[in-house]
C-alpha atoms as a PDB file:
ATOM      1  CA  UNK A   1     -57.760  27.085  10.688  1.00  0.00           C
ATOM      2  CA  UNK A   2     -59.543  29.604  12.894  1.00  0.00           C
ATOM      3  CA  UNK A   3     -62.870  28.651  11.336  1.00  0.00           C
ATOM      4  CA  UNK A   4     -62.158  25.128  12.537  1.00  0.00           C
ATOM      5  CA  UNK A   5     -61.748  26.428  16.089  1.00  0.00           C
ATOM      6  CA  UNK A   6     -57.963  26.032  16.075  1.00  0.00           C
ATOM      7  CA  UNK A   7     -55.362  28.505  17.326  1.00  0.00           C
ATOM      8  CA  UNK A   8     -51.579  28.644  17.236  1.00  0.00           C
ATOM      9  CA  UNK A   9     -50.188  27.542  20.586  1.00  0.00           C
ATOM     10  CA  UNK A  10     -46.703  27.014  21.864  1.00  0.00           C
ATOM     11  CA  UNK A  11     -45.930  23.362  22.540  1.00  0.00           C
ATOM     12  CA  UNK A  12     -44.619  22.524  25.982  1.00  0.00           C
ATOM     13  CA  UNK A  13     -42.016  19.939  26.785  1.00  0.00           C
ATOM     14  CA  UNK A  14     -43.317  16.930  28.732  1.00  0.00           C
ATOM     15  CA  UNK A  15     -39.758  16.390  29.952  1.00  0.00           C
ATOM     16  CA  UNK A  16     -39.557  19.923  31.380  1.00  0.00           C
ATOM     17  CA  UNK A  17     -42.905  19.492  33.115  1.00  0.00           C
ATOM     18  CA  UNK A  18     -41.772  16.180  34.574  1.00  0.00           C
ATOM     19  CA  UNK A  19     -38.614  17.791  35.948  1.00  0.00           C
ATOM     20  CA  UNK A  20     -40.617  20.627  37.523  1.00  0.00           C
ATOM     21  CA  UNK A  21     -42.985  18.175  39.163  1.00  0.00           C
ATOM     22  CA  UNK A  22     -40.188  16.000  40.507  1.00  0.00           C
ATOM     23  CA  UNK A  23     -38.418  19.086  41.856  1.00  0.00           C
ATOM     24  CA  UNK A  24     -41.570  20.144  43.685  1.00  0.00           C
ATOM     25  CA  UNK A  25     -42.084  16.679  45.149  1.00  0.00           C
ATOM     26  CA  UNK A  26     -38.500  16.313  46.338  1.00  0.00           C
ATOM     27  CA  UNK A  27     -37.515  19.867  47.308  1.00  0.00           C
ATOM     28  CA  UNK A  28     -40.184  22.499  46.620  1.00  0.00           C
ATOM     29  CA  UNK A  29     -42.803  21.459  49.142  1.00  0.00           C
ATOM     30  CA  UNK A  30     -40.217  20.555  51.777  1.00  0.00           C
ATOM     31  CA  UNK A  31     -38.670  24.021  51.407  1.00  0.00           C
ATOM     32  CA  UNK A  32     -42.083  25.699  51.678  1.00  0.00           C
ATOM     33  CA  UNK A  33     -42.838  23.796  54.880  1.00  0.00           C
ATOM     34  CA  UNK A  34     -39.504  24.824  56.356  1.00  0.00           C
ATOM     35  CA  UNK A  35     -40.150  28.495  55.546  1.00  0.00           C
ATOM     36  CA  UNK A  36     -43.643  28.345  57.043  1.00  0.00           C
ATOM     37  CA  UNK A  37     -42.304  26.752  60.228  1.00  0.00           C
ATOM     38  CA  UNK A  38     -39.662  29.463  60.569  1.00  0.00           C
ATOM     39  CA  UNK A  39     -42.199  32.235  59.919  1.00  0.00           C
ATOM     40  CA  UNK A  40     -44.674  30.834  62.455  1.00  0.00           C
ATOM     41  CA  UNK A  41     -42.659  29.416  65.368  1.00  0.00           C
ATOM     42  CA  UNK A  42     -44.616  27.458  67.934  1.00  0.00           C
ATOM     43  CA  UNK A  43     -47.385  26.605  65.493  1.00  0.00           C
ATOM     44  CA  UNK A  44     -48.262  23.101  64.383  1.00  0.00           C
ATOM     45  CA  UNK A  45     -48.082  22.844  60.602  1.00  0.00           C
ATOM     46  CA  UNK A  46     -50.872  21.127  58.689  1.00  0.00           C
ATOM     47  CA  UNK A  47     -50.623  20.444  54.957  1.00  0.00           C
ATOM     48  CA  UNK A  48     -53.696  20.794  52.752  1.00  0.00           C
ATOM     49  CA  UNK A  49     -54.267  20.564  48.998  1.00  0.00           C
ATOM     50  CA  UNK A  50     -56.920  22.821  47.461  1.00  0.00           C
ATOM     51  CA  UNK A  51     -58.767  23.036  44.155  1.00  0.00           C
ATOM     52  CA  UNK A  52     -62.135  23.749  42.535  1.00  0.00           C
ATOM     53  CA  UNK A  53     -64.214  21.590  40.229  1.00  0.00           C
ATOM     54  CA  UNK A  54     -67.255  22.361  38.118  1.00  0.00           C
ATOM     55  CA  UNK A  55     -70.285  20.100  38.425  1.00  0.00           C
ATOM     56  CA  UNK A  56     -73.539  20.457  36.579  1.00  0.00           C
ATOM     57  CA  UNK A  57     -75.948  19.434  33.897  1.00  0.00           C
ATOM     58  CA  UNK A  58     -73.314  18.632  31.293  1.00  0.00           C
ATOM     59  CA  UNK A  59     -73.089  15.145  32.697  1.00  0.00           C
ATOM     60  CA  UNK A  60     -70.390  12.550  33.277  1.00  0.00           C
ATOM     61  CA  UNK A  61     -70.565   9.000  31.958  1.00  0.00           C
ATOM     62  CA  UNK A  62     -68.571   6.782  34.283  1.00  0.00           C
ATOM     63  CA  UNK A  63     -67.261   3.244  33.818  1.00  0.00           C
ATOM     64  CA  UNK A  64     -69.564   0.402  34.866  1.00  0.00           C
ATOM     65  CA  UNK A  65     -69.217  -3.360  35.131  1.00  0.00           C
ATOM     66  CA  UNK A  66     -71.376  -4.800  32.352  1.00  0.00           C
ATOM     67  CA  UNK A  67     -71.772  -7.780  30.027  1.00  0.00           C
ATOM     68  CA  UNK A  68     -68.904  -8.275  27.601  1.00  0.00           C
ATOM     69  CA  UNK A  69     -69.676  -7.016  24.109  1.00  0.00           C
ATOM     70  CA  UNK A  70     -72.487  -4.719  25.281  1.00  0.00           C
ATOM     71  CA  UNK A  71     -72.502  -1.021  26.156  1.00  0.00           C
ATOM     72  CA  UNK A  72     -74.115  -0.221  29.526  1.00  0.00           C
ATOM     73  CA  UNK A  73     -76.950   2.338  29.467  1.00  0.00           C
ATOM     74  CA  UNK A  74     -76.505   5.600  31.338  1.00  0.00           C
ATOM     75  CA  UNK A  75     -78.172   8.989  31.695  1.00  0.00           C
ATOM     76  CA  UNK A  76     -76.223  12.071  30.623  1.00  0.00           C
ATOM     77  CA  UNK A  77     -77.664  15.583  30.543  1.00  0.00           C
ATOM     78  CA  UNK A  78     -76.744  17.909  27.684  1.00  0.00           C
ATOM     79  CA  UNK A  79     -77.701  21.245  29.236  1.00  0.00           C
ATOM     80  CA  UNK A  80     -75.247  23.793  30.611  1.00  0.00           C
ATOM     81  CA  UNK A  81     -76.186  24.910  34.130  1.00  0.00           C
ATOM     82  CA  UNK A  82     -73.490  24.281  36.725  1.00  0.00           C
ATOM     83  CA  UNK A  83     -71.893  25.293  39.998  1.00  0.00           C
ATOM     84  CA  UNK A  84     -68.455  24.927  41.597  1.00  0.00           C
ATOM     85  CA  UNK A  85     -67.205  22.849  44.491  1.00  0.00           C
ATOM     86  CA  UNK A  86     -64.249  24.389  46.355  1.00  0.00           C
ATOM     87  CA  UNK A  87     -62.394  21.893  48.524  1.00  0.00           C
ATOM     88  CA  UNK A  88     -59.280  21.482  50.629  1.00  0.00           C
ATOM     89  CA  UNK A  89     -58.132  18.114  51.967  1.00  0.00           C
ATOM     90  CA  UNK A  90     -55.509  17.092  54.510  1.00  0.00           C
ATOM     91  CA  UNK A  91     -53.982  13.818  53.245  1.00  0.00           C
ATOM     92  CA  UNK A  92     -52.370  12.842  56.553  1.00  0.00           C
ATOM     93  CA  UNK A  93     -55.670  12.795  58.469  1.00  0.00           C
ATOM     94  CA  UNK A  94     -58.325  12.530  55.774  1.00  0.00           C
ATOM     95  CA  UNK A  95     -59.955  15.756  56.952  1.00  0.00           C
ATOM     96  CA  UNK A  96     -61.455  18.139  54.443  1.00  0.00           C
ATOM     97  CA  UNK A  97     -63.621  21.181  53.939  1.00  0.00           C
ATOM     98  CA  UNK A  98     -65.755  22.084  50.933  1.00  0.00           C
ATOM     99  CA  UNK A  99     -68.023  24.943  49.897  1.00  0.00           C
ATOM    100  CA  UNK A 100     -70.404  25.084  46.960  1.00  0.00           C
ATOM    101  CA  UNK A 101     -70.050  28.492  45.291  1.00  0.00           C
ATOM    102  CA  UNK A 102     -71.612  29.855  42.091  1.00  0.00           C
ATOM    103  CA  UNK A 103     -68.427  30.892  40.315  1.00  0.00           C
ATOM    104  CA  UNK A 104     -64.644  30.873  40.378  1.00  0.00           C
ATOM    105  CA  UNK A 105     -63.349  34.314  41.308  1.00  0.00           C
ATOM    106  CA  UNK A 106     -61.113  36.126  43.753  1.00  0.00           C
ATOM    107  CA  UNK A 107     -64.137  37.022  45.881  1.00  0.00           C
ATOM    108  CA  UNK A 108     -65.305  33.405  46.028  1.00  0.00           C
ATOM    109  CA  UNK A 109     -61.790  32.188  46.832  1.00  0.00           C
ATOM    110  CA  UNK A 110     -61.441  34.765  49.625  1.00  0.00           C
ATOM    111  CA  UNK A 111     -64.717  33.525  51.073  1.00  0.00           C
ATOM    112  CA  UNK A 112     -63.509  29.927  50.971  1.00  0.00           C
ATOM    113  CA  UNK A 113     -60.205  30.794  52.669  1.00  0.00           C
ATOM    114  CA  UNK A 114     -62.003  32.802  55.356  1.00  0.00           C
ATOM    115  CA  UNK A 115     -64.323  29.910  56.167  1.00  0.00           C
ATOM    116  CA  UNK A 116     -61.462  27.424  56.046  1.00  0.00           C
ATOM    117  CA  UNK A 117     -59.349  29.503  58.447  1.00  0.00           C
ATOM    118  CA  UNK A 118     -62.063  29.367  61.116  1.00  0.00           C
ATOM    119  CA  UNK A 119     -61.779  25.555  61.238  1.00  0.00           C
ATOM    120  CA  UNK A 120     -58.133  25.643  62.398  1.00  0.00           C
ATOM    121  CA  UNK A 121     -57.151  25.470  66.048  1.00  0.00           C
ATOM    122  CA  UNK A 122     -55.453  28.571  67.526  1.00  0.00           C
ATOM    123  CA  UNK A 123     -52.064  26.817  67.603  1.00  0.00           C
ATOM    124  CA  UNK A 124     -52.325  25.481  64.013  1.00  0.00           C
ATOM    125  CA  UNK A 125     -50.966  26.967  60.809  1.00  0.00           C
ATOM    126  CA  UNK A 126     -52.070  25.539  57.462  1.00  0.00           C
ATOM    127  CA  UNK A 127     -49.853  25.252  54.402  1.00  0.00           C
ATOM    128  CA  UNK A 128     -52.231  25.074  51.441  1.00  0.00           C
ATOM    129  CA  UNK A 129     -50.928  23.745  48.118  1.00  0.00           C
ATOM    130  CA  UNK A 130     -52.870  24.935  45.076  1.00  0.00           C
ATOM    131  CA  UNK A 131     -52.467  25.585  41.368  1.00  0.00           C
ATOM    132  CA  UNK A 132     -51.703  28.880  39.657  1.00  0.00           C
ATOM    133  CA  UNK A 133     -55.251  29.924  38.728  1.00  0.00           C
ATOM    134  CA  UNK A 134     -55.682  33.682  38.513  1.00  0.00           C
ATOM    135  CA  UNK A 135     -58.031  33.847  41.502  1.00  0.00           C
ATOM    136  CA  UNK A 136     -55.435  31.965  43.592  1.00  0.00           C
ATOM    137  CA  UNK A 137     -52.696  34.507  42.932  1.00  0.00           C
ATOM    138  CA  UNK A 138     -54.667  37.761  42.693  1.00  0.00           C
ATOM    139  CA  UNK A 139     -53.278  40.726  44.626  1.00  0.00           C
ATOM    140  CA  UNK A 140     -56.760  41.367  45.994  1.00  0.00           C
ATOM    141  CA  UNK A 141     -57.090  37.837  47.401  1.00  0.00           C
ATOM    142  CA  UNK A 142     -57.568  37.970  51.178  1.00  0.00           C
ATOM    143  CA  UNK A 143     -55.384  35.323  52.840  1.00  0.00           C
ATOM    144  CA  UNK A 144     -55.957  34.795  56.586  1.00  0.00           C
ATOM    145  CA  UNK A 145     -52.931  35.000  58.882  1.00  0.00           C
ATOM    146  CA  UNK A 146     -53.106  31.320  59.792  1.00  0.00           C
ATOM    147  CA  UNK A 147     -52.684  30.241  56.154  1.00  0.00           C
ATOM    148  CA  UNK A 148     -49.693  30.046  53.808  1.00  0.00           C
ATOM    149  CA  UNK A 149     -50.441  29.445  50.128  1.00  0.00           C
ATOM    150  CA  UNK A 150     -47.924  27.354  48.171  1.00  0.00           C
ATOM    151  CA  UNK A 151     -48.319  27.446  44.366  1.00  0.00           C
ATOM    152  CA  UNK A 152     -47.642  24.379  42.279  1.00  0.00           C
ATOM    153  CA  UNK A 153     -45.360  24.464  39.227  1.00  0.00           C
ATOM    154  CA  UNK A 154     -47.226  25.227  35.968  1.00  0.00           C
ATOM    155  CA  UNK A 155     -49.050  22.342  34.300  1.00  0.00           C
ATOM    156  CA  UNK A 156     -48.771  20.037  37.306  1.00  0.00           C
ATOM    157  CA  UNK A 157     -52.258  18.653  37.988  1.00  0.00           C
ATOM    158  CA  UNK A 158     -50.650  15.360  39.035  1.00  0.00           C
ATOM    159  CA  UNK A 159     -49.171  17.135  42.057  1.00  0.00           C
ATOM    160  CA  UNK A 160     -52.517  18.521  43.198  1.00  0.00           C
ATOM    161  CA  UNK A 161     -53.923  15.607  45.121  1.00  0.00           C
ATOM    162  CA  UNK A 162     -57.479  16.978  45.163  1.00  0.00           C
ATOM    163  CA  UNK A 163     -57.674  15.978  41.497  1.00  0.00           C
ATOM    164  CA  UNK A 164     -58.047  12.399  42.720  1.00  0.00           C
ATOM    165  CA  UNK A 165     -61.046  13.449  44.793  1.00  0.00           C
ATOM    166  CA  UNK A 166     -62.734  14.986  41.751  1.00  0.00           C
ATOM    167  CA  UNK A 167     -62.230  11.791  39.769  1.00  0.00           C
ATOM    168  CA  UNK A 168     -63.667   9.699  42.615  1.00  0.00           C
ATOM    169  CA  UNK A 169     -66.729  11.939  42.959  1.00  0.00           C
ATOM    170  CA  UNK A 170     -67.391  11.954  39.232  1.00  0.00           C
ATOM    171  CA  UNK A 171     -66.950   8.220  38.831  1.00  0.00           C
ATOM    172  CA  UNK A 172     -68.916   7.166  41.904  1.00  0.00           C
ATOM    173  CA  UNK A 173     -71.317   9.854  43.109  1.00  0.00           C
ATOM    174  CA  UNK A 174     -71.915  12.477  40.419  1.00  0.00           C
ATOM    175  CA  UNK A 175     -72.245  10.398  37.257  1.00  0.00           C
ATOM    176  CA  UNK A 176     -75.261   9.080  35.353  1.00  0.00           C
ATOM    177  CA  UNK A 177     -77.381  11.904  36.750  1.00  0.00           C
ATOM    178  CA  UNK A 178     -79.831  14.422  35.305  1.00  0.00           C
ATOM    179  CA  UNK A 179     -80.305  17.613  37.320  1.00  0.00           C
ATOM    180  CA  UNK A 180     -83.476  19.674  36.672  1.00  0.00           C
ATOM    181  CA  UNK A 181     -82.015  22.934  37.972  1.00  0.00           C
ATOM    182  CA  UNK A 182     -79.108  24.487  39.859  1.00  0.00           C
ATOM    183  CA  UNK A 183     -80.706  23.761  43.221  1.00  0.00           C
ATOM    184  CA  UNK A 184     -80.544  20.059  42.428  1.00  0.00           C
ATOM    185  CA  UNK A 185     -76.888  20.406  41.402  1.00  0.00           C
ATOM    186  CA  UNK A 186     -76.040  22.122  44.684  1.00  0.00           C
ATOM    187  CA  UNK A 187     -77.857  19.453  46.705  1.00  0.00           C
ATOM    188  CA  UNK A 188     -76.039  16.699  44.792  1.00  0.00           C
ATOM    189  CA  UNK A 189     -72.638  18.334  45.416  1.00  0.00           C
ATOM    190  CA  UNK A 190     -73.369  18.613  49.136  1.00  0.00           C
ATOM    191  CA  UNK A 191     -74.593  15.024  49.352  1.00  0.00           C
ATOM    192  CA  UNK A 192     -71.569  13.726  47.423  1.00  0.00           C
ATOM    193  CA  UNK A 193     -69.075  15.594  49.608  1.00  0.00           C
ATOM    194  CA  UNK A 194     -70.789  14.515  52.834  1.00  0.00           C
ATOM    195  CA  UNK A 195     -70.740  10.901  51.639  1.00  0.00           C
ATOM    196  CA  UNK A 196     -67.018  11.207  50.873  1.00  0.00           C
ATOM    197  CA  UNK A 197     -66.233  12.648  54.301  1.00  0.00           C
ATOM    198  CA  UNK A 198     -68.359  10.024  56.036  1.00  0.00           C
ATOM    199  CA  UNK A 199     -66.341   7.204  54.444  1.00  0.00           C
ATOM    200  CA  UNK A 200     -63.512   6.781  56.930  1.00  0.00           C
ATOM    201  CA  UNK A 201     -60.085   6.637  55.299  1.00  0.00           C
ATOM    202  CA  UNK A 202     -61.277   7.398  51.775  1.00  0.00           C
ATOM    203  CA  UNK A 203     -59.567  10.807  51.400  1.00  0.00           C
ATOM    204  CA  UNK A 204     -56.364   9.446  52.894  1.00  0.00           C
ATOM    205  CA  UNK A 205     -56.383   6.492  50.502  1.00  0.00           C
ATOM    206  CA  UNK A 206     -56.893   8.831  47.543  1.00  0.00           C
ATOM    207  CA  UNK A 207     -54.575  11.679  48.502  1.00  0.00           C
ATOM    208  CA  UNK A 208     -51.592  10.372  50.464  1.00  0.00           C
ATOM    209  CA  UNK A 209     -49.090   9.014  47.918  1.00  0.00           C
ATOM    210  CA  UNK A 210     -45.629   7.775  48.802  1.00  0.00           C
ATOM    211  CA  UNK A 211     -43.871  10.972  47.670  1.00  0.00           C
ATOM    212  CA  UNK A 212     -45.905  13.073  50.116  1.00  0.00           C
ATOM    213  CA  UNK A 213     -45.316  10.583  52.923  1.00  0.00           C
ATOM    214  CA  UNK A 214     -41.559  11.034  52.374  1.00  0.00           C
ATOM    215  CA  UNK A 215     -41.844  14.834  52.464  1.00  0.00           C
ATOM    216  CA  UNK A 216     -43.886  14.967  55.666  1.00  0.00           C
ATOM    217  CA  UNK A 217     -42.055  12.210  57.545  1.00  0.00           C
END
């Protein structure tokens, strides 16, 4: 079995995951916002969702409108150079910040948080929802004073609203591409993010579902 690339893994219950996600949507995030407000009186709370995505030469074939019964042509690189796009979005306003960084690590995450913190007004405090990646929870991670990190339940990508941004970028701006080198990948990531931000209302339409509207209202 190991020669086939298989390993013994513990199955997880979809029902248990669903319960954890529903609990976070109904009570977990609301409780975290209440605690942040109490810990930082007089500050205006802003809610962001954060994640990282890898983009690179191992390409993405998106869906295209095409003639029935035919397969549309599309370029797809098979090499393995890549970089990472770190992003945080605010669903209520459609604001967002992104950095292109060479790797996922505690050092890179600390750099992203430091740059993000400088974008907040003096009377703002950001509650940042993110998954349980090791570099998000490391003891050596440097978290600025105007940020509170709120971890998602395990195996809950549906609750991290930035996932919808990654899908949009891959389907619309980063697919059917061949990148000659990492410089071209970085330029493409920057161009794609700037195009996303420039499209008024796009982040809000992607990342502001009804359950979040109920929590924040």
